Amino acid sequence: MATKRVLRNTAPPTEPQSELEESWSAWLRGTYARYWYVLFCMFVDVVVGLEIYLRIAGLTGVTLMVVVMVALVAVQVHIYLKAWGAQGRWAPLED
């Protein structure tokens, strides 16, 4: 007579997951503030660029606008990297 086949269902072990990966203050500094910083920088870039373009006419205004925008973006990127870069003060934690 044939024997019955027994199936055993063994699920792979799962790691316990915490409900909150990080605290609210860490999320506020690390993620929320970073998004607002980028939006603020884009707003400042647009306003400064348009003001220079409107106040100084001709090729001089366009040239000055480009030079100021490059310098402004360089400063903004430097500040961003100091705050949220790999070695930054509010850098996201790696697993």
Protein backbone atom coordinates (compact mmCIF):
# COMPACT_ATOMS: atom_id res chain seq x y z
CA MET A 1 0.00 0.00 0.00
CA ALA A 2 1.14 3.56 -0.72
CA THR A 3 2.23 5.86 2.05
CA LYS A 4 0.81 9.34 2.41
CA ARG A 5 3.02 12.24 1.59
CA VAL A 6 3.33 14.80 4.39
CA LEU A 7 3.82 18.43 3.43
CA ARG A 8 5.53 20.71 5.88
CA ASN A 9 5.23 24.42 5.37
CA THR A 10 8.17 26.26 6.85
CA ALA A 11 8.14 29.99 6.33
CA PRO A 12 11.47 31.75 6.18
CA PRO A 13 12.32 33.54 9.40
CA THR A 14 11.44 37.21 9.32
CA GLU A 15 13.19 39.93 11.18
CA PRO A 16 11.08 41.89 13.62
CA GLN A 17 10.23 45.29 12.20
CA SER A 18 10.05 48.33 14.36
CA GLU A 19 6.98 50.52 13.96
CA LEU A 20 9.02 53.70 13.62
CA GLU A 21 12.32 53.59 11.84
CA GLU A 22 13.36 56.99 13.17
CA SER A 23 12.05 59.56 15.58
CA TRP A 24 9.97 62.54 14.51
CA SER A 25 12.73 65.01 15.24
CA ALA A 26 15.21 63.03 13.12
CA TRP A 27 12.69 62.81 10.27
CA LEU A 28 11.94 66.53 10.58
CA ARG A 29 15.64 67.47 10.34
CA GLY A 30 16.67 64.81 7.89
CA THR A 31 13.87 64.67 5.35
CA TYR A 32 11.34 67.43 5.79
CA ALA A 33 13.88 70.23 6.28
CA ARG A 34 15.90 68.98 3.32
CA TYR A 35 12.89 69.26 0.99
CA TRP A 36 12.06 72.75 2.24
CA TYR A 37 15.69 73.80 1.86
CA VAL A 38 15.69 72.72 -1.79
CA LEU A 39 12.41 74.55 -2.46
CA PHE A 40 13.75 77.67 -0.73
CA CYS A 41 16.94 77.56 -2.80
CA MET A 42 14.98 77.25 -6.04
CA PHE A 43 12.78 80.20 -5.03
CA VAL A 44 15.81 82.35 -4.17
CA ASP A 45 17.51 81.42 -7.45
CA VAL A 46 14.47 82.42 -9.49
CA VAL A 47 13.86 85.68 -7.63
CA VAL A 48 17.51 86.79 -7.69
CA GLY A 49 17.93 85.84 -11.34
CA LEU A 50 14.80 87.70 -12.43
CA GLU A 51 15.64 90.77 -10.36
CA ILE A 52 19.10 91.04 -11.92
CA TYR A 53 17.66 90.46 -15.39
CA LEU A 54 14.96 93.12 -14.94
CA ARG A 55 17.14 95.78 -13.28
CA ILE A 56 20.14 95.60 -15.63
CA ALA A 57 19.25 95.71 -19.30
CA GLY A 58 21.03 94.07 -22.20
CA LEU A 59 23.82 91.59 -22.43
CA THR A 60 25.43 92.91 -19.25
CA GLY A 61 22.36 91.90 -17.23
CA VAL A 62 22.25 88.42 -18.70
CA THR A 63 25.99 87.92 -18.13
CA LEU A 64 25.80 89.18 -14.55
CA MET A 65 22.74 87.00 -13.92
CA VAL A 66 24.57 83.87 -15.10
CA VAL A 67 27.67 84.65 -13.00
CA VAL A 68 25.62 85.37 -9.87
CA MET A 69 23.47 82.26 -10.39
CA VAL A 70 26.52 80.00 -10.71
CA ALA A 71 28.02 81.47 -7.54
CA LEU A 72 24.70 81.24 -5.68
CA VAL A 73 24.13 77.61 -6.66
CA ALA A 74 27.71 76.74 -5.63
CA VAL A 75 27.12 78.23 -2.18
CA GLN A 76 23.76 76.46 -1.85
CA VAL A 77 25.25 73.09 -2.79
CA HIS A 78 28.09 73.61 -0.30
CA ILE A 79 25.58 74.37 2.48
CA TYR A 80 23.49 71.33 1.49
CA LEU A 81 26.50 69.02 1.61
CA LYS A 82 27.57 70.42 4.99
CA ALA A 83 24.11 69.76 6.42
CA TRP A 84 22.93 66.58 4.67
CA GLY A 85 25.96 65.15 2.88
CA ALA A 86 27.77 61.92 3.76
CA GLN A 87 29.60 63.56 6.67
CA GLY A 88 26.92 66.17 7.29
CA ARG A 89 25.35 67.14 10.56
CA TRP A 90 21.91 65.76 9.64
CA ALA A 91 23.04 62.99 7.29
CA PRO A 92 20.60 60.07 7.02
CA LEU A 93 21.66 56.98 8.90
CA GLU A 94 22.75 54.02 6.78
CA ASP A 95 21.77 50.48 7.70
